[in-house]
């Protein structure tokens, strides 16, 4: 498994590999087909190298005794970015690095599973940077966006779509779903829009006025595709 690294003016999404539960090789292979710029977070590097993936950037505080010089030699050329700031998570630092480099979008894998606190932090990071870069988090069962105020995308019939709010989200309206919302209010522990779906091939439109709203496209099988 490798990446050819044919990136045209940073228009293709970069790929951030975090250190949560691994996804399937099939999903990773789909994302690598786009020849992305690959950024690996800290000690995930050893799991990534076992898969024979060529990495562009290794970023982290490296407090786990990583052999930087060995990795530099084996992966040359590779950029090593030391980020000791303990006020931000590795994912936040990775996203900020891509923004500073001019990337407009990034896919994120290995950011869910294992430690629940890391998963929640990683999801909140997507909301934090949603206006600066387009982020999509993938695992074998889910594809997750933090939506901007207006979202429109074509989906095939019977696609599962859940809308999950972070705190309170006001003025939620949808078109193209089995159970549409009209100027509604969503709030965790009060009301969400889980396990909705498209009823036919076509565009789904979602808008909201305030708050952070996640779209989660989920499947119950490992047949998930990008």
N, C-alpha and C. Protein backbone atom coordinates (compact mmCIF):
# COMPACT_ATOMS: atom_id res chain seq x y z
N UNK A 1 0.86 -1.19 0.00
CA UNK A 1 0.00 0.00 0.00
C UNK A 1 0.89 1.23 0.00
N UNK A 2 0.64 2.14 -0.93
CA UNK A 2 1.48 3.33 -1.00
C UNK A 2 0.69 4.47 -1.60
N UNK A 3 1.30 5.64 -1.61
CA UNK A 3 0.70 6.82 -2.23
C UNK A 3 1.65 7.38 -3.26
N UNK A 4 1.14 7.78 -4.43
CA UNK A 4 1.98 8.30 -5.50
C UNK A 4 2.24 9.79 -5.36
N UNK A 5 1.48 10.48 -4.53
CA UNK A 5 1.73 11.89 -4.23
C UNK A 5 1.70 12.78 -5.47
N UNK A 6 0.63 12.69 -6.25
CA UNK A 6 0.44 13.61 -7.36
C UNK A 6 -0.63 14.60 -6.94
N UNK A 7 -0.20 15.71 -6.38
CA UNK A 7 -1.14 16.69 -5.83
C UNK A 7 -1.06 17.96 -6.66
N UNK A 8 -2.21 18.43 -7.13
CA UNK A 8 -2.25 19.60 -7.99
C UNK A 8 -2.65 20.82 -7.17
N UNK A 9 -1.65 21.65 -6.83
CA UNK A 9 -1.90 22.92 -6.16
C UNK A 9 -2.77 22.78 -4.91
N UNK A 10 -2.62 21.68 -4.19
CA UNK A 10 -3.31 21.46 -2.92
C UNK A 10 -4.83 21.49 -3.06
N UNK A 11 -5.33 21.13 -4.25
CA UNK A 11 -6.77 21.12 -4.45
C UNK A 11 -7.39 19.81 -3.96
N UNK A 12 -6.66 18.69 -4.07
CA UNK A 12 -7.16 17.42 -3.57
C UNK A 12 -7.07 17.41 -2.04
N UNK A 13 -8.00 16.73 -1.38
CA UNK A 13 -7.93 16.67 0.09
C UNK A 13 -6.64 16.01 0.56
N UNK A 14 -6.03 16.60 1.58
CA UNK A 14 -4.93 15.93 2.27
C UNK A 14 -5.51 14.78 3.09
N UNK A 15 -4.65 13.94 3.63
CA UNK A 15 -5.09 12.84 4.48
C UNK A 15 -4.36 12.92 5.81
N UNK A 16 -5.15 13.05 6.89
CA UNK A 16 -4.60 13.04 8.24
C UNK A 16 -4.83 11.66 8.83
N UNK A 17 -3.77 11.03 9.34
CA UNK A 17 -3.89 9.73 9.99
C UNK A 17 -3.61 9.92 11.47
N UNK A 18 -4.65 9.75 12.28
CA UNK A 18 -4.53 9.93 13.73
C UNK A 18 -4.12 8.60 14.37
N UNK A 19 -4.39 8.43 15.67
CA UNK A 19 -3.90 7.24 16.36
C UNK A 19 -5.00 6.50 17.11
N UNK A 20 -6.22 6.53 16.53
CA UNK A 20 -7.31 5.75 17.10
C UNK A 20 -7.38 4.38 16.46
N UNK A 21 -8.58 3.81 16.42
CA UNK A 21 -8.76 2.48 15.83
C UNK A 21 -8.50 2.54 14.33
N UNK A 22 -7.80 1.55 13.82
CA UNK A 22 -7.49 1.51 12.39
C UNK A 22 -8.74 1.21 11.59
N UNK A 23 -8.79 1.76 10.39
CA UNK A 23 -9.85 1.42 9.45
C UNK A 23 -9.40 0.22 8.61
N UNK A 24 -10.28 -0.29 7.79
CA UNK A 24 -9.92 -1.39 6.91
C UNK A 24 -8.93 -0.93 5.84
N UNK A 25 -8.16 -1.88 5.33
CA UNK A 25 -7.26 -1.56 4.22
C UNK A 25 -8.05 -1.11 3.00
N UNK A 26 -9.26 -1.62 2.84
CA UNK A 26 -10.08 -1.24 1.68
C UNK A 26 -10.40 0.24 1.71
N UNK A 27 -10.83 0.75 2.88
CA UNK A 27 -11.15 2.17 3.00
C UNK A 27 -9.90 3.02 2.84
N UNK A 28 -8.81 2.61 3.48
CA UNK A 28 -7.58 3.38 3.34
C UNK A 28 -7.13 3.41 1.88
N UNK A 29 -7.27 2.28 1.20
CA UNK A 29 -6.89 2.22 -0.20
C UNK A 29 -7.69 3.18 -1.06
N UNK A 30 -8.99 3.30 -0.78
CA UNK A 30 -9.82 4.25 -1.52
C UNK A 30 -9.33 5.68 -1.34
N UNK A 31 -8.97 6.02 -0.11
CA UNK A 31 -8.50 7.39 0.15
C UNK A 31 -7.12 7.62 -0.46
N UNK A 32 -6.27 6.61 -0.48
CA UNK A 32 -4.95 6.76 -1.06
C UNK A 32 -4.99 6.83 -2.59
N UNK A 33 -6.07 6.34 -3.20
CA UNK A 33 -6.19 6.41 -4.65
C UNK A 33 -6.16 7.85 -5.16
N UNK A 34 -6.54 8.80 -4.29
CA UNK A 34 -6.56 10.20 -4.69
C UNK A 34 -5.17 10.83 -4.56
N UNK A 35 -4.17 10.02 -4.24
CA UNK A 35 -2.79 10.49 -4.17
C UNK A 35 -2.62 11.68 -3.22
N UNK A 36 -3.04 11.54 -1.98
CA UNK A 36 -3.06 12.71 -1.11
C UNK A 36 -1.71 13.05 -0.51
N UNK A 37 -1.66 14.25 0.00
CA UNK A 37 -0.58 14.71 0.88
C UNK A 37 -0.88 14.10 2.25
N UNK A 38 0.03 13.33 2.80
CA UNK A 38 -0.26 12.52 3.99
C UNK A 38 0.46 13.08 5.21
N UNK A 39 -0.33 13.37 6.24
CA UNK A 39 0.18 13.87 7.51
C UNK A 39 -0.18 12.85 8.59
N UNK A 40 0.82 12.37 9.32
CA UNK A 40 0.61 11.37 10.37
C UNK A 40 0.86 12.01 11.73
N UNK A 41 0.01 11.67 12.69
CA UNK A 41 0.11 12.25 14.02
C UNK A 41 0.88 11.34 14.96
N UNK A 42 2.04 11.82 15.37
CA UNK A 42 2.85 11.26 16.45
C UNK A 42 3.04 9.75 16.32
N UNK A 43 2.75 8.99 17.38
CA UNK A 43 3.15 7.58 17.40
C UNK A 43 2.33 6.69 16.48
N UNK A 44 1.33 7.22 15.79
CA UNK A 44 0.66 6.44 14.74
C UNK A 44 1.63 6.10 13.61
N UNK A 45 2.77 6.79 13.55
CA UNK A 45 3.70 6.60 12.46
C UNK A 45 4.14 5.15 12.33
N UNK A 46 4.34 4.44 13.44
CA UNK A 46 4.82 3.06 13.35
C UNK A 46 3.77 2.14 12.74
N UNK A 47 2.50 2.36 13.07
CA UNK A 47 1.43 1.57 12.47
C UNK A 47 1.30 1.87 10.98
N UNK A 48 1.52 3.13 10.62
CA UNK A 48 1.44 3.53 9.21
C UNK A 48 2.59 2.92 8.41
N UNK A 49 3.79 2.97 8.96
CA UNK A 49 4.95 2.43 8.24
C UNK A 49 4.84 0.93 8.03
N UNK A 50 4.18 0.22 8.95
CA UNK A 50 3.97 -1.21 8.78
C UNK A 50 3.16 -1.52 7.52
N UNK A 51 2.37 -0.55 7.08
CA UNK A 51 1.55 -0.73 5.89
C UNK A 51 2.27 -0.28 4.61
N UNK A 52 3.50 0.18 4.75
CA UNK A 52 4.28 0.56 3.57
C UNK A 52 3.84 1.85 2.93
N UNK A 53 3.27 2.75 3.70
CA UNK A 53 2.76 4.01 3.17
C UNK A 53 3.85 5.08 3.22
N UNK A 54 4.04 5.80 2.13
CA UNK A 54 4.98 6.93 2.10
C UNK A 54 4.30 8.14 2.70
N UNK A 55 4.96 8.76 3.68
CA UNK A 55 4.38 9.86 4.45
C UNK A 55 5.07 11.17 4.08
N UNK A 56 4.29 12.25 4.02
CA UNK A 56 4.85 13.57 3.75
C UNK A 56 5.28 14.30 5.00
N UNK A 57 4.44 14.21 6.06
CA UNK A 57 4.70 14.97 7.29
C UNK A 57 4.42 14.09 8.50
N UNK A 58 5.31 14.12 9.47
CA UNK A 58 5.09 13.53 10.79
C UNK A 58 5.04 14.67 11.78
N UNK A 59 3.94 14.77 12.52
CA UNK A 59 3.72 15.91 13.42
C UNK A 59 3.35 15.41 14.80
N UNK A 60 3.92 16.05 15.84
CA UNK A 60 3.55 15.70 17.20
C UNK A 60 4.52 16.27 18.22
N UNK A 61 4.28 15.92 19.49
CA UNK A 61 5.20 16.37 20.53
C UNK A 61 6.28 15.32 20.80
N UNK A 62 6.11 14.13 20.24
CA UNK A 62 7.13 13.08 20.28
C UNK A 62 7.59 12.75 21.70
N UNK A 63 6.63 12.73 22.64
CA UNK A 63 6.98 12.43 24.02
C UNK A 63 6.95 10.93 24.30
N UNK A 64 6.74 10.12 23.27
CA UNK A 64 6.65 8.67 23.46
C UNK A 64 7.92 7.96 23.00
N UNK A 65 9.01 8.70 22.85
CA UNK A 65 10.28 8.09 22.51
C UNK A 65 10.39 7.63 21.07
N UNK A 66 9.83 8.37 20.14
CA UNK A 66 9.90 8.02 18.73
C UNK A 66 11.32 8.25 18.21
N UNK A 67 11.80 7.31 17.43
CA UNK A 67 13.15 7.43 16.84
C UNK A 67 13.05 8.27 15.56
N UNK A 68 13.14 9.57 15.73
CA UNK A 68 12.94 10.50 14.62
C UNK A 68 13.98 10.29 13.51
N UNK A 69 15.22 10.11 13.87
CA UNK A 69 16.26 10.00 12.85
C UNK A 69 16.10 8.73 12.03
N UNK A 70 15.69 7.65 12.66
CA UNK A 70 15.44 6.41 11.92
C UNK A 70 14.30 6.59 10.93
N UNK A 71 13.23 7.24 11.38
CA UNK A 71 12.10 7.49 10.50
C UNK A 71 12.49 8.43 9.37
N UNK A 72 13.25 9.46 9.68
CA UNK A 72 13.70 10.40 8.66
C UNK A 72 14.52 9.67 7.57
N UNK A 73 15.39 8.77 8.01
CA UNK A 73 16.22 8.03 7.07
C UNK A 73 15.38 7.11 6.19
N UNK A 74 14.42 6.40 6.79
CA UNK A 74 13.63 5.44 6.05
C UNK A 74 12.60 6.10 5.14
N UNK A 75 12.15 7.29 5.48
CA UNK A 75 11.05 7.94 4.76
C UNK A 75 11.50 9.13 3.91
N UNK A 76 12.77 9.38 3.84
CA UNK A 76 13.26 10.56 3.13
C UNK A 76 12.72 10.64 1.70
N UNK A 77 12.19 11.81 1.27
CA UNK A 77 12.06 13.03 2.05
C UNK A 77 10.80 13.02 2.92
N UNK A 78 10.90 13.50 4.15
CA UNK A 78 9.76 13.63 5.04
C UNK A 78 9.98 14.89 5.88
N UNK A 79 8.92 15.63 6.13
CA UNK A 79 9.00 16.81 6.99
C UNK A 79 8.62 16.42 8.41
N UNK A 80 9.47 16.73 9.37
CA UNK A 80 9.21 16.46 10.78
C UNK A 80 8.82 17.77 11.45
N UNK A 81 7.62 17.81 12.02
CA UNK A 81 7.12 19.04 12.65
C UNK A 81 6.91 18.77 14.14
N UNK A 82 7.73 19.41 14.96
CA UNK A 82 7.66 19.26 16.41
C UNK A 82 6.68 20.28 16.98
N UNK A 83 5.63 19.81 17.67
CA UNK A 83 4.59 20.69 18.19
C UNK A 83 4.37 20.39 19.68
N UNK A 84 5.15 21.02 20.56
CA UNK A 84 5.08 20.69 21.99
C UNK A 84 3.89 21.29 22.73
N UNK A 85 3.11 22.15 22.09
CA UNK A 85 2.00 22.83 22.77
C UNK A 85 0.99 21.82 23.33
N UNK A 86 0.88 21.77 24.67
CA UNK A 86 -0.03 20.84 25.31
C UNK A 86 -1.45 21.39 25.46
N UNK A 87 -1.68 22.61 24.99
CA UNK A 87 -3.01 23.21 25.07
C UNK A 87 -3.90 22.79 23.91
N UNK A 88 -3.32 22.11 22.93
CA UNK A 88 -4.08 21.65 21.77
C UNK A 88 -3.82 20.17 21.54
N UNK A 89 -4.82 19.48 20.97
CA UNK A 89 -4.64 18.07 20.65
C UNK A 89 -3.77 17.93 19.40
N UNK A 90 -3.25 16.72 19.19
CA UNK A 90 -2.46 16.49 17.99
C UNK A 90 -3.28 16.75 16.73
N UNK A 91 -4.56 16.37 16.76
CA UNK A 91 -5.38 16.60 15.57
C UNK A 91 -5.55 18.09 15.31
N UNK A 92 -5.79 18.88 16.34
CA UNK A 92 -5.90 20.33 16.16
C UNK A 92 -4.63 20.90 15.55
N UNK A 93 -3.49 20.45 16.06
CA UNK A 93 -2.22 20.95 15.53
C UNK A 93 -2.01 20.52 14.09
N UNK A 94 -2.44 19.31 13.75
CA UNK A 94 -2.34 18.85 12.38
C UNK A 94 -3.22 19.64 11.44
N UNK A 95 -4.45 19.93 11.86
CA UNK A 95 -5.37 20.72 11.04
C UNK A 95 -4.82 22.13 10.84
N UNK A 96 -4.32 22.74 11.90
CA UNK A 96 -3.76 24.09 11.79
C UNK A 96 -2.54 24.11 10.86
N UNK A 97 -1.73 23.06 10.90
CA UNK A 97 -0.58 22.97 9.99
C UNK A 97 -1.06 22.96 8.54
N UNK A 98 -2.09 22.18 8.22
CA UNK A 98 -2.59 22.12 6.85
C UNK A 98 -3.18 23.46 6.41
N UNK A 99 -3.90 24.11 7.32
CA UNK A 99 -4.46 25.43 6.99
C UNK A 99 -3.34 26.41 6.66
N UNK A 100 -2.28 26.41 7.47
CA UNK A 100 -1.15 27.32 7.24
C UNK A 100 -0.45 27.01 5.92
N UNK A 101 -0.49 25.76 5.49
CA UNK A 101 0.14 25.36 4.24
C UNK A 101 -0.75 25.63 3.02
N UNK A 102 -1.97 26.09 3.26
CA UNK A 102 -2.87 26.45 2.16
C UNK A 102 -3.79 25.34 1.69
N UNK A 103 -3.88 24.25 2.44
CA UNK A 103 -4.79 23.17 2.04
C UNK A 103 -6.24 23.59 2.31
N UNK A 104 -7.12 23.23 1.39
CA UNK A 104 -8.52 23.62 1.50
C UNK A 104 -9.41 22.52 2.08
N UNK A 105 -8.91 21.29 2.08
CA UNK A 105 -9.73 20.16 2.54
C UNK A 105 -8.83 19.04 3.02
N UNK A 106 -9.38 18.21 3.91
CA UNK A 106 -8.64 17.04 4.40
C UNK A 106 -9.61 15.95 4.81
N UNK A 107 -9.25 14.71 4.50
CA UNK A 107 -9.91 13.54 5.06
C UNK A 107 -9.14 13.12 6.31
N UNK A 108 -9.86 12.55 7.27
CA UNK A 108 -9.26 12.14 8.54
C UNK A 108 -9.63 10.69 8.80
N UNK A 109 -8.64 9.84 9.12
CA UNK A 109 -8.91 8.46 9.49
C UNK A 109 -8.19 8.14 10.79
N UNK A 110 -8.57 6.98 11.37
CA UNK A 110 -8.01 6.52 12.63
C UNK A 110 -8.25 7.53 13.76
N UNK A 111 -9.35 8.25 13.69
CA UNK A 111 -9.64 9.29 14.68
C UNK A 111 -10.81 8.92 15.57
N UNK A 112 -11.42 7.74 15.36
CA UNK A 112 -12.52 7.26 16.19
C UNK A 112 -12.11 5.92 16.79
N UNK A 113 -12.91 5.42 17.71
CA UNK A 113 -12.60 4.14 18.34
C UNK A 113 -11.53 4.27 19.40
N UNK A 114 -11.17 3.13 20.02
CA UNK A 114 -10.24 3.10 21.15
C UNK A 114 -10.72 4.07 22.24
N UNK A 115 -10.01 5.13 22.53
CA UNK A 115 -10.37 6.00 23.66
C UNK A 115 -11.52 6.94 23.31
N UNK A 116 -12.61 6.85 24.09
CA UNK A 116 -13.79 7.67 23.82
C UNK A 116 -13.50 9.16 23.98
N UNK A 117 -12.62 9.53 24.93
CA UNK A 117 -12.32 10.94 25.12
C UNK A 117 -11.61 11.51 23.90
N UNK A 118 -10.73 10.72 23.28
CA UNK A 118 -10.07 11.19 22.07
C UNK A 118 -11.06 11.34 20.92
N UNK A 119 -12.00 10.40 20.82
CA UNK A 119 -13.01 10.49 19.76
C UNK A 119 -13.81 11.77 19.89
N UNK A 120 -14.28 12.08 21.12
CA UNK A 120 -15.07 13.29 21.32
C UNK A 120 -14.25 14.54 21.03
N UNK A 121 -13.01 14.57 21.47
CA UNK A 121 -12.15 15.72 21.18
C UNK A 121 -11.94 15.88 19.67
N UNK A 122 -11.75 14.76 18.97
CA UNK A 122 -11.52 14.84 17.54
C UNK A 122 -12.74 15.36 16.80
N UNK A 123 -13.93 14.95 17.22
CA UNK A 123 -15.15 15.48 16.61
C UNK A 123 -15.28 16.98 16.87
N UNK A 124 -14.99 17.40 18.10
CA UNK A 124 -15.11 18.83 18.42
C UNK A 124 -14.10 19.65 17.62
N UNK A 125 -12.95 19.06 17.29
CA UNK A 125 -11.96 19.78 16.49
C UNK A 125 -12.49 20.07 15.09
N UNK A 126 -13.29 19.16 14.55
CA UNK A 126 -13.87 19.40 13.23
C UNK A 126 -14.78 20.63 13.26
N UNK A 127 -15.53 20.76 14.34
CA UNK A 127 -16.41 21.92 14.47
C UNK A 127 -15.60 23.21 14.61
N UNK A 128 -14.51 23.14 15.33
CA UNK A 128 -13.68 24.32 15.61
C UNK A 128 -13.14 24.95 14.33
N UNK A 129 -12.79 24.13 13.33
CA UNK A 129 -12.13 24.63 12.13
C UNK A 129 -13.01 24.59 10.88
N UNK A 130 -14.31 24.41 11.04
CA UNK A 130 -15.18 24.17 9.89
C UNK A 130 -15.22 25.33 8.90
N UNK A 131 -14.98 26.56 9.35
CA UNK A 131 -15.01 27.70 8.45
C UNK A 131 -13.68 27.91 7.74
N UNK A 132 -12.62 27.21 8.17
CA UNK A 132 -11.30 27.43 7.60
C UNK A 132 -10.86 26.33 6.64
N UNK A 133 -11.40 25.13 6.81
CA UNK A 133 -11.00 24.00 5.98
C UNK A 133 -12.14 22.98 5.98
N UNK A 134 -12.35 22.32 4.86
CA UNK A 134 -13.38 21.28 4.76
C UNK A 134 -12.79 19.97 5.27
N UNK A 135 -13.41 19.42 6.30
CA UNK A 135 -12.92 18.21 6.94
C UNK A 135 -13.97 17.11 6.88
N UNK A 136 -13.52 15.89 6.58
CA UNK A 136 -14.40 14.72 6.59
C UNK A 136 -13.70 13.62 7.37
N UNK A 137 -14.37 13.10 8.38
CA UNK A 137 -13.82 12.02 9.18
C UNK A 137 -14.43 10.69 8.72
N UNK A 138 -13.56 9.71 8.49
CA UNK A 138 -14.01 8.41 7.99
C UNK A 138 -13.62 7.30 8.96
N UNK A 139 -14.51 6.33 9.12
CA UNK A 139 -14.12 5.01 9.59
C UNK A 139 -14.92 3.99 8.79
N UNK A 140 -14.85 2.72 9.14
CA UNK A 140 -15.47 1.70 8.30
C UNK A 140 -16.99 1.76 8.32
N UNK A 141 -17.57 2.45 9.26
CA UNK A 141 -19.02 2.52 9.38
C UNK A 141 -19.59 3.91 9.16
N UNK A 142 -18.75 4.93 9.17
CA UNK A 142 -19.28 6.29 9.18
C UNK A 142 -18.44 7.25 8.34
N UNK A 143 -19.14 8.26 7.83
CA UNK A 143 -18.51 9.40 7.17
C UNK A 143 -19.14 10.64 7.81
N UNK A 144 -18.31 11.50 8.40
CA UNK A 144 -18.83 12.56 9.27
C UNK A 144 -18.35 13.92 8.79
N UNK A 145 -19.30 14.86 8.63
CA UNK A 145 -19.00 16.25 8.30
C UNK A 145 -19.49 17.13 9.45
N UNK A 146 -18.85 18.27 9.68
CA UNK A 146 -19.46 19.34 10.45
C UNK A 146 -19.94 20.37 9.44
N UNK A 147 -21.24 20.56 9.38
CA UNK A 147 -21.83 21.32 8.28
C UNK A 147 -21.65 22.83 8.45
N UNK A 148 -21.42 23.49 7.32
CA UNK A 148 -21.53 24.95 7.29
C UNK A 148 -23.01 25.30 7.23
N UNK A 149 -23.33 26.57 7.20
CA UNK A 149 -24.73 26.99 7.32
C UNK A 149 -25.62 26.44 6.21
N UNK A 150 -25.04 26.21 5.02
CA UNK A 150 -25.83 25.63 3.92
C UNK A 150 -25.04 24.48 3.31
N UNK A 151 -25.70 23.35 3.13
CA UNK A 151 -25.07 22.14 2.59
C UNK A 151 -25.99 21.54 1.54
N UNK A 152 -25.40 21.13 0.42
CA UNK A 152 -26.18 20.46 -0.62
C UNK A 152 -25.31 19.41 -1.28
N UNK A 153 -25.84 18.18 -1.39
CA UNK A 153 -25.08 17.09 -2.00
C UNK A 153 -26.04 16.06 -2.56
N UNK A 154 -25.65 15.44 -3.69
CA UNK A 154 -26.45 14.38 -4.30
C UNK A 154 -26.18 13.07 -3.58
N UNK A 155 -27.27 12.35 -3.25
CA UNK A 155 -27.15 11.04 -2.62
C UNK A 155 -28.06 10.04 -3.33
N UNK A 156 -27.68 8.77 -3.39
CA UNK A 156 -28.59 7.75 -3.90
C UNK A 156 -29.72 7.47 -2.91
N UNK A 157 -30.77 6.85 -3.40
CA UNK A 157 -31.91 6.50 -2.54
C UNK A 157 -31.47 5.58 -1.40
N UNK A 158 -32.16 5.72 -0.27
CA UNK A 158 -31.96 4.88 0.91
C UNK A 158 -30.60 5.07 1.59
N UNK A 159 -29.99 6.23 1.38
CA UNK A 159 -28.77 6.56 2.11
C UNK A 159 -29.13 6.98 3.54
N UNK A 160 -28.49 6.37 4.52
CA UNK A 160 -28.75 6.73 5.92
C UNK A 160 -28.05 8.04 6.25
N UNK A 161 -28.79 8.98 6.80
CA UNK A 161 -28.25 10.29 7.17
C UNK A 161 -28.77 10.67 8.55
N UNK A 162 -27.85 10.96 9.46
CA UNK A 162 -28.22 11.45 10.78
C UNK A 162 -27.68 12.85 10.97
N UNK A 163 -28.48 13.71 11.58
CA UNK A 163 -28.05 15.06 11.92
C UNK A 163 -27.94 15.14 13.44
N UNK A 164 -26.71 15.36 13.90
CA UNK A 164 -26.43 15.35 15.33
C UNK A 164 -25.88 16.71 15.75
N UNK A 165 -26.56 17.39 16.67
CA UNK A 165 -26.12 18.73 17.09
C UNK A 165 -25.05 18.68 18.16
N UNK A 166 -24.22 19.71 18.18
CA UNK A 166 -23.33 19.96 19.31
C UNK A 166 -23.96 21.12 20.08
N UNK A 167 -24.38 20.89 21.29
CA UNK A 167 -25.20 21.82 22.06
C UNK A 167 -26.48 22.13 21.30
N UNK A 168 -26.86 23.38 21.18
CA UNK A 168 -28.15 23.72 20.55
C UNK A 168 -27.92 24.26 19.14
N UNK A 169 -28.71 23.75 18.18
CA UNK A 169 -28.64 24.21 16.79
C UNK A 169 -30.03 24.73 16.41
N UNK A 170 -30.07 25.96 15.93
CA UNK A 170 -31.34 26.62 15.64
C UNK A 170 -31.58 26.72 14.14
N UNK A 171 -32.87 26.75 13.76
CA UNK A 171 -33.26 27.01 12.38
C UNK A 171 -32.87 25.93 11.39
N UNK A 172 -33.02 24.66 11.78
CA UNK A 172 -32.63 23.54 10.91
C UNK A 172 -33.75 23.22 9.93
N UNK A 173 -33.42 23.26 8.64
CA UNK A 173 -34.38 22.90 7.60
C UNK A 173 -33.71 21.95 6.61
N UNK A 174 -34.47 20.96 6.12
CA UNK A 174 -33.92 19.98 5.19
C UNK A 174 -34.89 19.74 4.04
N UNK A 175 -34.32 19.32 2.91
CA UNK A 175 -35.08 18.86 1.76
C UNK A 175 -34.43 17.58 1.25
N UNK A 176 -35.26 16.63 0.79
CA UNK A 176 -34.74 15.41 0.20
C UNK A 176 -34.63 14.24 1.15
N UNK A 177 -35.10 14.39 2.38
CA UNK A 177 -35.05 13.30 3.35
C UNK A 177 -36.45 12.76 3.62
N UNK A 178 -36.51 11.55 4.14
CA UNK A 178 -37.80 10.93 4.46
C UNK A 178 -38.55 11.76 5.49
N UNK A 179 -37.82 12.24 6.50
CA UNK A 179 -38.43 13.07 7.54
C UNK A 179 -37.74 14.43 7.51
N UNK A 180 -38.32 15.36 6.78
CA UNK A 180 -37.72 16.68 6.63
C UNK A 180 -38.00 17.55 7.85
N UNK A 181 -37.10 18.49 8.08
CA UNK A 181 -37.24 19.45 9.17
C UNK A 181 -37.50 20.84 8.58
N UNK A 182 -38.28 21.65 9.27
CA UNK A 182 -38.56 23.01 8.83
C UNK A 182 -38.34 23.97 9.98
N UNK A 183 -37.28 24.76 9.88
CA UNK A 183 -36.95 25.75 10.91
C UNK A 183 -37.01 25.14 12.31
N UNK A 184 -36.39 23.97 12.45
CA UNK A 184 -36.48 23.20 13.69
C UNK A 184 -35.29 23.50 14.61
N UNK A 185 -35.37 22.97 15.80
CA UNK A 185 -34.32 23.15 16.80
C UNK A 185 -33.85 21.78 17.27
N UNK A 186 -32.52 21.54 17.21
CA UNK A 186 -31.95 20.28 17.64
C UNK A 186 -30.99 20.53 18.80
N UNK A 187 -31.01 19.61 19.75
CA UNK A 187 -30.12 19.74 20.90
C UNK A 187 -29.88 18.37 21.50
N UNK A 188 -28.62 18.05 21.78
CA UNK A 188 -28.30 16.77 22.41
C UNK A 188 -29.08 16.58 23.70
N UNK A 189 -29.56 15.39 23.90
CA UNK A 189 -30.38 14.97 25.05
C UNK A 189 -31.81 15.52 24.98
N UNK A 190 -32.09 16.34 23.97
CA UNK A 190 -33.45 16.87 23.81
C UNK A 190 -34.06 16.35 22.51
N UNK A 191 -33.42 16.67 21.38
CA UNK A 191 -33.94 16.22 20.08
C UNK A 191 -32.80 16.18 19.08
N UNK A 192 -32.70 15.05 18.36
CA UNK A 192 -31.76 14.94 17.25
C UNK A 192 -32.53 14.44 16.03
N UNK A 193 -31.84 14.29 14.93
CA UNK A 193 -32.46 13.73 13.72
C UNK A 193 -31.63 12.53 13.28
N UNK A 194 -31.74 11.45 14.05
CA UNK A 194 -30.94 10.26 13.82
C UNK A 194 -31.66 9.27 12.93
N UNK A 195 -30.88 8.52 12.13
CA UNK A 195 -31.39 7.43 11.30
C UNK A 195 -32.47 7.89 10.32
N UNK A 196 -32.30 9.10 9.79
CA UNK A 196 -33.13 9.55 8.68
C UNK A 196 -32.56 8.93 7.41
N UNK A 197 -33.21 9.13 6.27
CA UNK A 197 -32.66 8.60 5.03
C UNK A 197 -33.25 9.31 3.81
N UNK A 198 -32.57 9.17 2.69
CA UNK A 198 -33.09 9.68 1.44
C UNK A 198 -34.14 8.71 0.91
N UNK A 199 -35.14 9.24 0.22
CA UNK A 199 -36.20 8.38 -0.30
C UNK A 199 -36.04 8.10 -1.79
N UNK A 200 -35.21 8.89 -2.47
CA UNK A 200 -34.94 8.67 -3.89
C UNK A 200 -33.61 9.30 -4.24
N UNK A 201 -33.08 8.92 -5.41
CA UNK A 201 -31.86 9.55 -5.89
C UNK A 201 -32.08 11.05 -6.04
N UNK A 202 -31.14 11.84 -5.57
CA UNK A 202 -31.30 13.28 -5.74
C UNK A 202 -30.52 14.07 -4.71
N UNK A 203 -30.68 15.38 -4.77
CA UNK A 203 -29.95 16.26 -3.88
C UNK A 203 -30.62 16.35 -2.51
N UNK A 204 -29.80 16.38 -1.49
CA UNK A 204 -30.23 16.66 -0.13
C UNK A 204 -29.71 18.05 0.23
N UNK A 205 -30.60 18.87 0.76
CA UNK A 205 -30.23 20.23 1.18
C UNK A 205 -30.47 20.37 2.67
N UNK A 206 -29.46 20.88 3.37
CA UNK A 206 -29.56 21.07 4.82
C UNK A 206 -29.06 22.47 5.15
N UNK A 207 -29.85 23.21 5.88
CA UNK A 207 -29.42 24.55 6.32
C UNK A 207 -29.72 24.70 7.81
N UNK A 208 -28.92 25.55 8.47
CA UNK A 208 -29.20 25.88 9.86
C UNK A 208 -28.70 27.29 10.13
N UNK A 209 -29.28 27.92 11.15
CA UNK A 209 -28.97 29.33 11.42
C UNK A 209 -27.82 29.50 12.39
N UNK A 210 -27.82 28.72 13.47
CA UNK A 210 -26.77 28.86 14.49
C UNK A 210 -26.40 27.48 15.04
N UNK A 211 -25.19 27.39 15.59
CA UNK A 211 -24.75 26.16 16.24
C UNK A 211 -23.92 25.29 15.32
N UNK A 212 -23.42 24.19 15.89
CA UNK A 212 -22.60 23.23 15.15
C UNK A 212 -23.40 21.95 14.93
N UNK A 213 -23.53 21.57 13.67
CA UNK A 213 -24.37 20.44 13.28
C UNK A 213 -23.54 19.43 12.49
N UNK A 214 -23.52 18.18 12.96
CA UNK A 214 -22.82 17.12 12.26
C UNK A 214 -23.77 16.33 11.38
N UNK A 215 -23.33 16.06 10.16
CA UNK A 215 -23.99 15.08 9.31
C UNK A 215 -23.19 13.79 9.43
N UNK A 216 -23.87 12.70 9.81
CA UNK A 216 -23.22 11.40 9.92
C UNK A 216 -23.89 10.44 8.96
N UNK A 217 -23.13 10.00 7.98
CA UNK A 217 -23.61 9.04 7.00
C UNK A 217 -23.08 7.68 7.45
N UNK A 218 -23.97 6.85 8.00
CA UNK A 218 -23.53 5.64 8.68
C UNK A 218 -24.09 4.38 8.04
N UNK A 219 -23.34 3.28 8.19
CA UNK A 219 -23.75 1.99 7.67
C UNK A 219 -23.55 0.95 8.77
N UNK A 220 -24.34 -0.12 8.74
CA UNK A 220 -24.21 -1.18 9.73
C UNK A 220 -23.24 -2.28 9.28
N UNK A 221 -22.66 -2.11 8.10
CA UNK A 221 -21.76 -3.15 7.56
C UNK A 221 -20.41 -2.54 7.21
N UNK A 222 -19.46 -3.40 6.91
CA UNK A 222 -18.13 -2.96 6.52
C UNK A 222 -18.07 -2.60 5.04
N UNK A 223 -19.21 -2.54 4.39
CA UNK A 223 -19.24 -2.22 2.96
C UNK A 223 -19.21 -0.73 2.70
N UNK A 224 -18.79 0.03 3.71
CA UNK A 224 -18.74 1.49 3.58
C UNK A 224 -17.77 1.90 2.48
N UNK A 225 -18.16 2.89 1.67
CA UNK A 225 -17.26 3.42 0.65
C UNK A 225 -17.18 4.94 0.77
N UNK A 226 -16.09 5.49 0.30
CA UNK A 226 -15.88 6.94 0.35
C UNK A 226 -16.88 7.64 -0.53
